Amino acid sequence: MSATKDPTAVERANLLNMAKLSIKGLIESALSFGRTLDSDYPPLQQFFVVMEHCLKHGLKVRKSFLSYNKTIWGPLELVEKLYPEAEEIGASVRDLPGLKTPLGRARAWLRLALMQKKMADYLRCLIIQRELLSEFYEYHALMMEEEGAVIVGLLVGLNVIDANLCVKGEDLDSQVGVIDFSMYLKNEEDIGNKERNVQIAAILDQKNYVEELNRQLK
């Protein structure tokens, strides 16, 4: 079976395209916005949804005492063991009142990492530790493959953004992360960017896949 027909390779390619569009769109809109971003800023909300999809790809099902679960908090919590500066962010998340689920903690972690302008640094130290990551991810997962490294490289661009997010007041446990394609399609004619249009076409060809992703997150 060729790589182009491999379903997991197609999934990774689509997630990479979504991440590219989301990160590029967030940076462009934030620079034109010209102010510190808050939690209500739609391109920022969508960025976190896309990152959640990327981090969930290929997660192993882990058996807990009462149930089976897939959670991105496991690999994110691993960062502080690999990157001493990340100890503070892990402690901050665990001290946050009101968070009841591992997913809620992971969402808080991503928001704090963005505010610290450290998300790229933190995730880079994760992806180079494939042996440790394999505890959490299948071998074909995005974080284990080249697409994960590309996304981490793109995240460096977010360091130009200033964000002030109130993670205490947000209900991060029960949010449903659904990707809003209209955000990426509305400026298609204005931009006239062939590569962007090809990326969007590739993603929209996989509507069933994206709908399944959204279903899983619910």
N, C-alpha and C. Protein backbone atom coordinates (compact mmCIF):
# COMPACT_ATOMS: atom_id res chain seq x y z
N MET A 1 0.85 -1.20 0.00
CA MET A 1 0.00 0.00 0.00
C MET A 1 0.88 1.25 0.00
N SER A 2 0.64 2.18 -0.91
CA SER A 2 1.48 3.36 -0.98
C SER A 2 1.13 4.32 0.13
N ALA A 3 2.07 5.22 0.43
CA ALA A 3 1.87 6.16 1.54
C ALA A 3 0.66 7.05 1.30
N THR A 4 0.38 7.36 -0.01
CA THR A 4 -0.73 8.26 -0.30
C THR A 4 -2.08 7.62 0.03
N LYS A 5 -2.12 6.28 0.02
CA LYS A 5 -3.39 5.60 0.30
C LYS A 5 -3.51 5.21 1.78
N ASP A 6 -2.43 5.32 2.53
CA ASP A 6 -2.44 4.94 3.94
C ASP A 6 -3.36 5.92 4.70
N PRO A 7 -4.44 5.42 5.30
CA PRO A 7 -5.39 6.33 5.97
C PRO A 7 -4.75 7.20 7.04
N THR A 8 -3.80 6.64 7.80
CA THR A 8 -3.20 7.45 8.86
C THR A 8 -2.31 8.55 8.27
N ALA A 9 -1.68 8.28 7.12
CA ALA A 9 -0.88 9.31 6.46
C ALA A 9 -1.79 10.43 5.94
N VAL A 10 -2.97 10.05 5.44
CA VAL A 10 -3.94 11.05 4.97
C VAL A 10 -4.41 11.90 6.15
N GLU A 11 -4.69 11.25 7.29
CA GLU A 11 -5.11 11.98 8.48
C GLU A 11 -4.04 12.98 8.92
N ARG A 12 -2.79 12.52 8.93
CA ARG A 12 -1.70 13.42 9.36
C ARG A 12 -1.57 14.60 8.41
N ALA A 13 -1.69 14.33 7.10
CA ALA A 13 -1.58 15.41 6.12
C ALA A 13 -2.70 16.42 6.30
N ASN A 14 -3.90 15.95 6.55
CA ASN A 14 -5.04 16.86 6.75
C ASN A 14 -4.87 17.69 8.02
N LEU A 15 -4.41 17.04 9.09
CA LEU A 15 -4.20 17.77 10.34
C LEU A 15 -3.09 18.82 10.17
N LEU A 16 -2.05 18.46 9.44
CA LEU A 16 -0.97 19.42 9.19
C LEU A 16 -1.51 20.62 8.41
N ASN A 17 -2.34 20.35 7.39
CA ASN A 17 -2.92 21.46 6.61
C ASN A 17 -3.80 22.34 7.48
N MET A 18 -4.60 21.72 8.35
CA MET A 18 -5.44 22.51 9.25
C MET A 18 -4.60 23.36 10.18
N ALA A 19 -3.51 22.77 10.69
CA ALA A 19 -2.63 23.51 11.60
C ALA A 19 -1.98 24.69 10.88
N LYS A 20 -1.54 24.46 9.64
CA LYS A 20 -0.92 25.55 8.87
C LYS A 20 -1.89 26.71 8.69
N LEU A 21 -3.11 26.39 8.26
CA LEU A 21 -4.11 27.43 8.03
C LEU A 21 -4.45 28.15 9.33
N SER A 22 -4.60 27.39 10.41
CA SER A 22 -4.98 27.97 11.69
C SER A 22 -3.90 28.89 12.24
N ILE A 23 -2.64 28.42 12.21
CA ILE A 23 -1.54 29.22 12.76
C ILE A 23 -1.31 30.46 11.92
N LYS A 24 -1.29 30.28 10.58
CA LYS A 24 -1.09 31.42 9.69
C LYS A 24 -2.22 32.45 9.86
N GLY A 25 -3.46 31.94 9.90
CA GLY A 25 -4.60 32.84 10.05
C GLY A 25 -4.59 33.58 11.37
N LEU A 26 -4.19 32.88 12.43
CA LEU A 26 -4.14 33.51 13.76
C LEU A 26 -3.08 34.61 13.78
N ILE A 27 -1.90 34.34 13.24
CA ILE A 27 -0.83 35.34 13.26
C ILE A 27 -1.23 36.57 12.44
N GLU A 28 -1.75 36.32 11.22
CA GLU A 28 -2.13 37.44 10.35
C GLU A 28 -3.22 38.30 10.99
N SER A 29 -4.25 37.64 11.54
CA SER A 29 -5.36 38.40 12.10
C SER A 29 -4.95 39.11 13.39
N ALA A 30 -4.08 38.46 14.19
CA ALA A 30 -3.64 39.07 15.45
C ALA A 30 -2.80 40.32 15.18
N LEU A 31 -1.95 40.26 14.16
CA LEU A 31 -1.10 41.42 13.85
C LEU A 31 -1.94 42.59 13.34
N SER A 32 -3.00 42.30 12.58
CA SER A 32 -3.86 43.38 12.11
C SER A 32 -4.78 43.88 13.23
N PHE A 33 -5.10 43.00 14.16
CA PHE A 33 -5.94 43.35 15.32
C PHE A 33 -5.19 44.35 16.20
N GLY A 34 -3.89 44.09 16.38
CA GLY A 34 -3.03 45.06 17.03
C GLY A 34 -3.19 45.20 18.53
N ARG A 35 -3.93 44.30 19.15
CA ARG A 35 -4.11 44.39 20.61
C ARG A 35 -3.87 43.02 21.23
N THR A 36 -3.77 43.01 22.54
CA THR A 36 -3.61 41.74 23.25
C THR A 36 -4.86 40.89 23.06
N LEU A 37 -4.68 39.63 22.74
CA LEU A 37 -5.81 38.74 22.46
C LEU A 37 -6.38 38.20 23.76
N ASP A 38 -7.71 38.01 23.78
CA ASP A 38 -8.32 37.38 24.95
C ASP A 38 -9.03 36.09 24.53
N SER A 39 -9.65 35.44 25.50
CA SER A 39 -10.24 34.11 25.26
C SER A 39 -11.37 34.12 24.25
N ASP A 40 -11.99 35.29 24.01
CA ASP A 40 -13.13 35.35 23.10
C ASP A 40 -12.73 35.54 21.64
N TYR A 41 -11.43 35.63 21.36
CA TYR A 41 -10.98 35.93 20.00
C TYR A 41 -11.12 34.67 19.14
N PRO A 42 -12.06 34.68 18.12
CA PRO A 42 -12.37 33.45 17.39
C PRO A 42 -11.18 32.72 16.76
N PRO A 43 -10.24 33.42 16.08
CA PRO A 43 -9.12 32.67 15.50
C PRO A 43 -8.28 31.95 16.56
N LEU A 44 -8.23 32.53 17.76
CA LEU A 44 -7.48 31.89 18.84
C LEU A 44 -8.23 30.67 19.35
N GLN A 45 -9.55 30.78 19.48
CA GLN A 45 -10.36 29.63 19.90
C GLN A 45 -10.18 28.48 18.92
N GLN A 46 -10.19 28.81 17.63
CA GLN A 46 -10.05 27.76 16.61
C GLN A 46 -8.65 27.14 16.63
N PHE A 47 -7.65 27.95 16.91
CA PHE A 47 -6.28 27.42 17.00
C PHE A 47 -6.20 26.35 18.08
N PHE A 48 -6.80 26.62 19.23
CA PHE A 48 -6.75 25.63 20.32
C PHE A 48 -7.51 24.34 19.94
N VAL A 49 -8.61 24.49 19.22
CA VAL A 49 -9.37 23.31 18.77
C VAL A 49 -8.50 22.46 17.83
N VAL A 50 -7.84 23.12 16.88
CA VAL A 50 -7.00 22.39 15.93
C VAL A 50 -5.83 21.72 16.64
N MET A 51 -5.21 22.42 17.59
CA MET A 51 -4.09 21.82 18.34
C MET A 51 -4.55 20.59 19.12
N GLU A 52 -5.77 20.67 19.64
CA GLU A 52 -6.31 19.53 20.38
C GLU A 52 -6.47 18.31 19.45
N HIS A 53 -6.98 18.55 18.24
CA HIS A 53 -7.11 17.47 17.26
C HIS A 53 -5.74 16.86 16.94
N CYS A 54 -4.75 17.73 16.75
CA CYS A 54 -3.40 17.26 16.40
C CYS A 54 -2.81 16.42 17.53
N LEU A 55 -2.96 16.89 18.75
CA LEU A 55 -2.38 16.17 19.89
C LEU A 55 -3.12 14.87 20.18
N LYS A 56 -4.39 14.79 19.78
CA LYS A 56 -5.17 13.57 20.04
C LYS A 56 -4.89 12.48 19.01
N HIS A 57 -4.33 12.85 17.87
CA HIS A 57 -4.15 11.87 16.80
C HIS A 57 -3.23 10.73 17.23
N GLY A 58 -3.73 9.51 17.11
CA GLY A 58 -2.91 8.35 17.41
C GLY A 58 -2.66 8.09 18.89
N LEU A 59 -3.41 8.76 19.76
CA LEU A 59 -3.26 8.51 21.20
C LEU A 59 -3.64 7.07 21.52
N LYS A 60 -2.87 6.43 22.36
CA LYS A 60 -3.21 5.08 22.77
C LYS A 60 -4.36 5.13 23.78
N VAL A 61 -5.21 4.13 23.74
CA VAL A 61 -6.26 4.01 24.75
C VAL A 61 -5.61 3.46 26.01
N ARG A 62 -5.77 4.20 27.09
CA ARG A 62 -5.16 3.78 28.35
C ARG A 62 -6.26 3.31 29.30
N LYS A 63 -6.05 2.18 29.93
CA LYS A 63 -7.05 1.64 30.83
C LYS A 63 -6.84 2.21 32.23
N SER A 64 -7.87 2.84 32.74
CA SER A 64 -7.82 3.31 34.12
C SER A 64 -8.68 2.36 34.96
N PHE A 65 -8.78 2.67 36.23
CA PHE A 65 -9.48 1.76 37.15
C PHE A 65 -10.93 1.53 36.74
N LEU A 66 -11.59 2.60 36.30
CA LEU A 66 -13.02 2.48 35.99
C LEU A 66 -13.35 2.46 34.51
N SER A 67 -12.40 2.92 33.67
CA SER A 67 -12.78 3.04 32.27
C SER A 67 -11.54 3.08 31.37
N TYR A 68 -11.81 3.12 30.07
CA TYR A 68 -10.76 3.35 29.09
C TYR A 68 -10.82 4.82 28.68
N ASN A 69 -9.67 5.44 28.49
CA ASN A 69 -9.72 6.84 28.08
C ASN A 69 -8.54 7.19 27.18
N LYS A 70 -8.74 8.26 26.43
CA LYS A 70 -7.67 8.85 25.62
C LYS A 70 -7.53 10.28 26.11
N THR A 71 -6.37 10.65 26.60
CA THR A 71 -6.21 12.01 27.09
C THR A 71 -4.86 12.58 26.69
N ILE A 72 -4.86 13.85 26.27
CA ILE A 72 -3.61 14.49 25.87
C ILE A 72 -2.86 15.07 27.07
N TRP A 73 -3.47 14.98 28.26
CA TRP A 73 -2.80 15.51 29.45
C TRP A 73 -1.56 14.69 29.79
N GLY A 74 -1.58 13.40 29.52
CA GLY A 74 -0.44 12.54 29.83
C GLY A 74 0.86 13.03 29.18
N PRO A 75 0.89 13.14 27.84
CA PRO A 75 2.12 13.63 27.21
C PRO A 75 2.48 15.07 27.59
N LEU A 76 1.46 15.93 27.78
CA LEU A 76 1.77 17.32 28.14
C LEU A 76 2.37 17.40 29.54
N GLU A 77 1.88 16.56 30.44
CA GLU A 77 2.42 16.56 31.80
C GLU A 77 3.87 16.06 31.81
N LEU A 78 4.21 15.28 30.80
CA LEU A 78 5.57 14.75 30.69
C LEU A 78 6.59 15.86 30.42
N VAL A 79 6.13 16.99 29.84
CA VAL A 79 7.05 18.06 29.45
C VAL A 79 7.90 18.54 30.63
N GLU A 80 7.28 18.67 31.81
CA GLU A 80 8.05 19.23 32.93
C GLU A 80 9.19 18.33 33.38
N LYS A 81 9.10 17.04 33.05
CA LYS A 81 10.21 16.13 33.38
C LYS A 81 11.37 16.31 32.41
N LEU A 82 11.07 16.81 31.21
CA LEU A 82 12.08 16.97 30.17
C LEU A 82 12.62 18.39 30.09
N TYR A 83 11.85 19.34 30.58
CA TYR A 83 12.17 20.76 30.40
C TYR A 83 11.93 21.45 31.74
N PRO A 84 12.98 21.64 32.54
CA PRO A 84 12.81 22.14 33.91
C PRO A 84 11.99 23.42 34.01
N GLU A 85 12.10 24.30 33.00
CA GLU A 85 11.34 25.56 33.06
C GLU A 85 9.83 25.32 33.02
N ALA A 86 9.42 24.13 32.60
CA ALA A 86 7.99 23.84 32.48
C ALA A 86 7.36 23.37 33.80
N GLU A 87 8.17 23.23 34.84
CA GLU A 87 7.61 22.78 36.12
C GLU A 87 6.54 23.74 36.63
N GLU A 88 6.78 25.03 36.40
CA GLU A 88 5.85 26.05 36.89
C GLU A 88 4.48 25.93 36.22
N ILE A 89 4.48 25.69 34.90
CA ILE A 89 3.20 25.61 34.19
C ILE A 89 2.42 24.37 34.64
N GLY A 90 3.12 23.24 34.86
CA GLY A 90 2.43 22.04 35.33
C GLY A 90 1.82 22.25 36.70
N ALA A 91 2.58 22.90 37.60
CA ALA A 91 2.07 23.16 38.96
C ALA A 91 0.88 24.12 38.90
N SER A 92 0.98 25.14 38.03
CA SER A 92 -0.12 26.12 37.91
C SER A 92 -1.41 25.44 37.48
N VAL A 93 -1.30 24.53 36.50
CA VAL A 93 -2.49 23.83 36.00
C VAL A 93 -3.09 22.96 37.10
N ARG A 94 -2.24 22.23 37.81
CA ARG A 94 -2.77 21.35 38.87
C ARG A 94 -3.40 22.14 40.01
N ASP A 95 -2.98 23.39 40.19
CA ASP A 95 -3.53 24.23 41.27
C ASP A 95 -4.79 24.97 40.86
N LEU A 96 -5.13 24.94 39.57
CA LEU A 96 -6.30 25.70 39.12
C LEU A 96 -7.58 25.12 39.73
N PRO A 97 -8.38 25.96 40.37
CA PRO A 97 -9.64 25.46 40.94
C PRO A 97 -10.65 25.19 39.83
N GLY A 98 -11.48 24.20 40.03
CA GLY A 98 -12.59 23.98 39.10
C GLY A 98 -12.32 22.99 37.98
N LEU A 99 -11.06 22.69 37.69
CA LEU A 99 -10.78 21.73 36.62
C LEU A 99 -10.95 20.31 37.15
N LYS A 100 -11.82 19.55 36.49
CA LYS A 100 -12.15 18.21 36.98
C LYS A 100 -11.62 17.09 36.09
N THR A 101 -11.25 17.42 34.85
CA THR A 101 -10.87 16.36 33.90
C THR A 101 -9.46 16.57 33.37
N PRO A 102 -8.81 15.47 32.95
CA PRO A 102 -7.49 15.61 32.32
C PRO A 102 -7.54 16.49 31.07
N LEU A 103 -8.63 16.41 30.29
CA LEU A 103 -8.74 17.23 29.09
C LEU A 103 -8.80 18.72 29.46
N GLY A 104 -9.54 19.03 30.52
CA GLY A 104 -9.60 20.42 30.98
C GLY A 104 -8.22 20.93 31.38
N ARG A 105 -7.45 20.08 32.05
CA ARG A 105 -6.09 20.47 32.45
C ARG A 105 -5.21 20.68 31.22
N ALA A 106 -5.36 19.79 30.22
CA ALA A 106 -4.57 19.94 28.99
C ALA A 106 -4.91 21.25 28.28
N ARG A 107 -6.19 21.60 28.24
CA ARG A 107 -6.61 22.85 27.59
C ARG A 107 -6.04 24.05 28.33
N ALA A 108 -6.04 24.00 29.67
CA ALA A 108 -5.45 25.09 30.45
C ALA A 108 -3.95 25.19 30.17
N TRP A 109 -3.29 24.04 30.09
CA TRP A 109 -1.84 24.00 29.83
C TRP A 109 -1.52 24.68 28.50
N LEU A 110 -2.29 24.36 27.45
CA LEU A 110 -2.05 24.96 26.14
C LEU A 110 -2.21 26.48 26.18
N ARG A 111 -3.19 26.95 26.93
CA ARG A 111 -3.42 28.40 27.02
C ARG A 111 -2.29 29.09 27.79
N LEU A 112 -1.84 28.49 28.86
CA LEU A 112 -0.73 29.06 29.63
C LEU A 112 0.55 29.05 28.80
N ALA A 113 0.78 27.96 28.06
CA ALA A 113 1.99 27.86 27.24
C ALA A 113 2.01 28.95 26.16
N LEU A 114 0.83 29.24 25.59
CA LEU A 114 0.77 30.30 24.58
C LEU A 114 1.09 31.65 25.21
N MET A 115 0.51 31.92 26.39
CA MET A 115 0.77 33.20 27.05
C MET A 115 2.25 33.35 27.41
N GLN A 116 2.88 32.24 27.78
CA GLN A 116 4.31 32.27 28.11
C GLN A 116 5.20 32.37 26.87
N LYS A 117 4.61 32.18 25.68
CA LYS A 117 5.37 32.13 24.42
C LYS A 117 6.38 30.99 24.45
N LYS A 118 5.94 29.88 25.01
CA LYS A 118 6.82 28.72 25.17
C LYS A 118 6.27 27.44 24.54
N MET A 119 5.11 27.55 23.86
CA MET A 119 4.48 26.33 23.37
C MET A 119 5.40 25.55 22.42
N ALA A 120 6.07 26.26 21.51
CA ALA A 120 6.97 25.58 20.56
C ALA A 120 8.11 24.90 21.30
N ASP A 121 8.70 25.60 22.28
CA ASP A 121 9.82 25.02 23.05
C ASP A 121 9.39 23.77 23.79
N TYR A 122 8.23 23.86 24.46
CA TYR A 122 7.75 22.73 25.26
C TYR A 122 7.48 21.50 24.38
N LEU A 123 6.78 21.72 23.26
CA LEU A 123 6.40 20.59 22.41
C LEU A 123 7.60 20.04 21.64
N ARG A 124 8.59 20.90 21.36
CA ARG A 124 9.79 20.40 20.68
C ARG A 124 10.51 19.38 21.56
N CYS A 125 10.60 19.67 22.86
CA CYS A 125 11.32 18.74 23.73
C CYS A 125 10.56 17.41 23.84
N LEU A 126 9.25 17.43 23.56
CA LEU A 126 8.46 16.20 23.56
C LEU A 126 8.73 15.35 22.32
N ILE A 127 8.68 16.00 21.15
CA ILE A 127 8.74 15.20 19.91
C ILE A 127 10.10 14.57 19.67
N ILE A 128 11.14 15.11 20.30
CA ILE A 128 12.46 14.48 20.11
C ILE A 128 12.65 13.27 21.03
N GLN A 129 11.70 13.06 21.94
CA GLN A 129 11.77 11.91 22.85
C GLN A 129 10.79 10.83 22.40
N ARG A 130 11.04 10.29 21.23
CA ARG A 130 10.09 9.32 20.65
C ARG A 130 9.87 8.11 21.56
N GLU A 131 10.93 7.69 22.23
CA GLU A 131 10.79 6.50 23.08
C GLU A 131 9.81 6.76 24.22
N LEU A 132 9.92 7.94 24.84
CA LEU A 132 8.98 8.29 25.91
C LEU A 132 7.57 8.52 25.36
N LEU A 133 7.50 9.17 24.19
CA LEU A 133 6.19 9.46 23.59
C LEU A 133 5.46 8.17 23.22
N SER A 134 6.21 7.13 22.89
CA SER A 134 5.57 5.89 22.45
C SER A 134 4.76 5.24 23.57
N GLU A 135 4.95 5.70 24.81
CA GLU A 135 4.10 5.24 25.92
C GLU A 135 2.67 5.74 25.73
N PHE A 136 2.55 6.88 25.08
CA PHE A 136 1.24 7.53 24.93
C PHE A 136 0.65 7.41 23.53
N TYR A 137 1.53 7.32 22.51
CA TYR A 137 1.08 7.39 21.12
C TYR A 137 1.40 6.12 20.35
N GLU A 138 0.53 5.80 19.39
CA GLU A 138 0.82 4.75 18.42
C GLU A 138 1.96 5.23 17.51
N TYR A 139 2.64 4.30 16.87
CA TYR A 139 3.80 4.65 16.05
C TYR A 139 3.44 5.60 14.90
N HIS A 140 2.16 5.52 14.43
CA HIS A 140 1.75 6.33 13.27
C HIS A 140 1.17 7.69 13.67
N ALA A 141 1.17 8.03 14.95
CA ALA A 141 0.57 9.28 15.42
C ALA A 141 1.30 10.50 14.86
N LEU A 142 0.57 11.58 14.73
CA LEU A 142 1.15 12.83 14.20
C LEU A 142 2.35 13.28 15.02
N MET A 143 2.27 13.18 16.34
CA MET A 143 3.37 13.62 17.20
C MET A 143 4.62 12.75 17.05
N MET A 144 4.45 11.55 16.49
CA MET A 144 5.58 10.63 16.32
C MET A 144 6.21 10.75 14.93
N GLU A 145 5.55 11.51 14.05
CA GLU A 145 5.99 11.56 12.66
C GLU A 145 6.44 12.97 12.27
N GLU A 146 6.87 13.10 11.02
CA GLU A 146 7.44 14.37 10.54
C GLU A 146 6.45 15.53 10.65
N GLU A 147 5.16 15.24 10.45
CA GLU A 147 4.16 16.32 10.50
C GLU A 147 4.16 17.01 11.86
N GLY A 148 4.39 16.24 12.92
CA GLY A 148 4.45 16.83 14.27
C GLY A 148 5.59 17.83 14.38
N ALA A 149 6.74 17.47 13.81
CA ALA A 149 7.90 18.37 13.85
C ALA A 149 7.63 19.64 13.05
N VAL A 150 6.93 19.50 11.91
CA VAL A 150 6.60 20.67 11.09
C VAL A 150 5.69 21.62 11.87
N ILE A 151 4.67 21.07 12.53
CA ILE A 151 3.74 21.90 13.29
C ILE A 151 4.48 22.62 14.43
N VAL A 152 5.35 21.91 15.13
CA VAL A 152 6.11 22.54 16.21
C VAL A 152 6.95 23.69 15.67
N GLY A 153 7.52 23.50 14.47
CA GLY A 153 8.28 24.58 13.85
C GLY A 153 7.40 25.79 13.55
N LEU A 154 6.18 25.55 13.10
CA LEU A 154 5.25 26.64 12.80
C LEU A 154 4.83 27.40 14.06
N LEU A 155 4.78 26.70 15.18
CA LEU A 155 4.33 27.31 16.44
C LEU A 155 5.27 28.43 16.90
N VAL A 156 6.51 28.40 16.46
CA VAL A 156 7.46 29.47 16.85
C VAL A 156 6.91 30.83 16.44
N GLY A 157 6.20 30.87 15.30
CA GLY A 157 5.64 32.14 14.83
C GLY A 157 4.66 32.78 15.80
N LEU A 158 4.06 31.97 16.67
CA LEU A 158 3.08 32.51 17.62
C LEU A 158 3.72 33.37 18.70
N ASN A 159 5.04 33.35 18.77
CA ASN A 159 5.72 34.15 19.80
C ASN A 159 5.57 35.65 19.55
N VAL A 160 5.07 36.03 18.36
CA VAL A 160 4.84 37.47 18.10
C VAL A 160 3.50 37.92 18.69
N ILE A 161 2.72 36.97 19.18
CA ILE A 161 1.37 37.27 19.67
C ILE A 161 1.36 37.48 21.18
N ASP A 162 0.66 38.52 21.61
CA ASP A 162 0.44 38.73 23.05
C ASP A 162 -0.98 38.31 23.39
N ALA A 163 -1.10 37.40 24.34
CA ALA A 163 -2.44 36.92 24.74
C ALA A 163 -2.58 37.01 26.26
N ASN A 164 -3.76 37.41 26.68
CA ASN A 164 -4.06 37.46 28.11
C ASN A 164 -5.35 36.66 28.31
N LEU A 165 -5.20 35.38 28.68
CA LEU A 165 -6.34 34.47 28.75
C LEU A 165 -6.66 34.14 30.20
N CYS A 166 -7.92 34.27 30.54
CA CYS A 166 -8.35 33.97 31.92
C CYS A 166 -8.74 32.49 32.01
N VAL A 167 -7.79 31.65 32.34
CA VAL A 167 -8.08 30.21 32.38
C VAL A 167 -8.92 29.84 33.60
N LYS A 168 -8.91 30.69 34.63
CA LYS A 168 -9.69 30.37 35.83
C LYS A 168 -11.18 30.41 35.56
N GLY A 169 -11.61 31.39 34.77
CA GLY A 169 -13.05 31.57 34.57
C GLY A 169 -13.66 30.70 33.50
N GLU A 170 -12.84 30.06 32.70
CA GLU A 170 -13.37 29.28 31.56
C GLU A 170 -13.77 27.87 31.98
N ASP A 171 -14.85 27.39 31.37
CA ASP A 171 -15.25 25.99 31.58
C ASP A 171 -14.50 25.14 30.56
N LEU A 172 -13.29 24.73 30.92
CA LEU A 172 -12.44 24.00 29.98
C LEU A 172 -12.74 22.51 29.96
N ASP A 173 -13.46 22.02 30.97
CA ASP A 173 -13.75 20.59 31.03
C ASP A 173 -14.74 20.14 29.97
N SER A 174 -15.77 20.95 29.75
CA SER A 174 -16.89 20.46 28.94
C SER A 174 -17.00 21.12 27.57
N GLN A 175 -16.06 21.98 27.20
CA GLN A 175 -16.11 22.58 25.87
C GLN A 175 -16.06 21.49 24.80
N VAL A 176 -16.80 21.72 23.72
CA VAL A 176 -16.73 20.80 22.58
C VAL A 176 -15.96 21.50 21.47
N GLY A 177 -14.84 20.91 21.06
CA GLY A 177 -14.00 21.57 20.06
C GLY A 177 -14.39 21.17 18.65
N VAL A 178 -15.10 22.05 17.95
CA VAL A 178 -15.52 21.78 16.57
C VAL A 178 -14.81 22.76 15.64
N ILE A 179 -14.20 22.25 14.60
CA ILE A 179 -13.47 23.10 13.66
C ILE A 179 -14.45 23.86 12.78
N ASP A 180 -14.25 25.19 12.69
CA ASP A 180 -15.12 26.05 11.90
C ASP A 180 -14.42 26.39 10.58
N PHE A 181 -14.77 25.67 9.52
CA PHE A 181 -14.09 25.87 8.24
C PHE A 181 -14.39 27.23 7.63
N SER A 182 -15.51 27.85 8.01
CA SER A 182 -15.87 29.12 7.37
C SER A 182 -14.79 30.18 7.62
N MET A 183 -14.09 30.06 8.73
CA MET A 183 -13.04 31.04 9.04
C MET A 183 -11.92 31.00 8.01
N TYR A 184 -11.67 29.82 7.47
CA TYR A 184 -10.56 29.67 6.54
C TYR A 184 -11.00 29.84 5.08
N LEU A 185 -12.31 29.74 4.84
CA LEU A 185 -12.80 29.82 3.47
C LEU A 185 -13.22 31.23 3.07
N LYS A 186 -13.55 32.08 4.02
CA LYS A 186 -14.21 33.34 3.66
C LYS A 186 -13.30 34.29 2.88
N ASN A 187 -11.98 34.18 3.08
CA ASN A 187 -11.08 35.09 2.36
C ASN A 187 -10.38 34.42 1.19
N GLU A 188 -10.90 33.29 0.78
CA GLU A 188 -10.22 32.51 -0.26
C GLU A 188 -10.04 33.32 -1.54
N GLU A 189 -11.10 34.05 -1.99
CA GLU A 189 -11.02 34.79 -3.25
C GLU A 189 -10.05 35.95 -3.13
N ASP A 190 -10.07 36.63 -1.98
CA ASP A 190 -9.21 37.79 -1.79
C ASP A 190 -7.74 37.39 -1.85
N ILE A 191 -7.44 36.28 -1.25
CA ILE A 191 -6.04 35.89 -1.10
C ILE A 191 -5.46 35.39 -2.42
N GLY A 192 -6.26 34.60 -3.16
CA GLY A 192 -5.79 34.08 -4.44
C GLY A 192 -4.53 33.26 -4.29
N ASN A 193 -4.40 32.62 -3.17
CA ASN A 193 -3.19 31.86 -2.89
C ASN A 193 -3.43 30.41 -3.29
N LYS A 194 -2.74 29.98 -4.34
CA LYS A 194 -3.00 28.65 -4.89
C LYS A 194 -2.74 27.56 -3.86
N GLU A 195 -1.61 27.70 -3.16
CA GLU A 195 -1.26 26.66 -2.18
C GLU A 195 -2.33 26.56 -1.10
N ARG A 196 -2.83 27.71 -0.65
CA ARG A 196 -3.86 27.72 0.39
C ARG A 196 -5.12 27.04 -0.12
N ASN A 197 -5.49 27.34 -1.37
CA ASN A 197 -6.71 26.75 -1.93
C ASN A 197 -6.59 25.24 -2.05
N VAL A 198 -5.39 24.78 -2.42
CA VAL A 198 -5.16 23.34 -2.52
C VAL A 198 -5.29 22.69 -1.14
N GLN A 199 -4.74 23.37 -0.13
CA GLN A 199 -4.83 22.84 1.24
C GLN A 199 -6.30 22.72 1.67
N ILE A 200 -7.06 23.78 1.41
CA ILE A 200 -8.48 23.77 1.81
C ILE A 200 -9.22 22.65 1.07
N ALA A 201 -8.93 22.51 -0.21
CA ALA A 201 -9.60 21.46 -1.00
C ALA A 201 -9.29 20.08 -0.43
N ALA A 202 -8.03 19.89 -0.05
CA ALA A 202 -7.62 18.59 0.49
C ALA A 202 -8.36 18.30 1.79
N ILE A 203 -8.51 19.34 2.61
CA ILE A 203 -9.19 19.15 3.90
C ILE A 203 -10.68 18.87 3.67
N LEU A 204 -11.29 19.65 2.79
CA LEU A 204 -12.73 19.48 2.59
C LEU A 204 -13.06 18.14 1.93
N ASP A 205 -12.10 17.57 1.22
CA ASP A 205 -12.29 16.22 0.66
C ASP A 205 -12.44 15.19 1.77
N GLN A 206 -11.98 15.55 2.94
CA GLN A 206 -11.98 14.61 4.06
C GLN A 206 -13.03 14.99 5.11
N LYS A 207 -14.17 15.52 4.64
CA LYS A 207 -15.20 15.98 5.58
C LYS A 207 -15.61 14.88 6.56
N ASN A 208 -15.74 13.66 6.07
CA ASN A 208 -16.15 12.56 6.95
C ASN A 208 -15.14 12.37 8.06
N TYR A 209 -13.87 12.49 7.70
CA TYR A 209 -12.81 12.32 8.70
C TYR A 209 -12.93 13.40 9.78
N VAL A 210 -13.14 14.64 9.34
CA VAL A 210 -13.22 15.74 10.30
C VAL A 210 -14.46 15.60 11.18
N GLU A 211 -15.57 15.20 10.56
CA GLU A 211 -16.78 15.00 11.36
C GLU A 211 -16.57 13.92 12.41
N GLU A 212 -15.82 12.89 12.04
CA GLU A 212 -15.53 11.82 12.99
C GLU A 212 -14.65 12.36 14.12
N LEU A 213 -13.68 13.20 13.78
CA LEU A 213 -12.85 13.83 14.82
C LEU A 213 -13.70 14.63 15.80
N ASN A 214 -14.61 15.43 15.23
CA ASN A 214 -15.48 16.24 16.09
C ASN A 214 -16.35 15.35 16.97
N ARG A 215 -16.83 14.23 16.41
CA ARG A 215 -17.65 13.31 17.20
C ARG A 215 -16.86 12.74 18.36
N GLN A 216 -15.60 12.38 18.07
CA GLN A 216 -14.77 11.79 19.13
C GLN A 216 -14.55 12.80 20.26
N LEU A 217 -14.37 14.08 19.90
CA LEU A 217 -14.12 15.08 20.94
C LEU A 217 -15.37 15.35 21.77
N LYS A 218 -16.55 15.13 21.19
CA LYS A 218 -17.77 15.28 21.99
C LYS A 218 -17.85 14.19 23.03
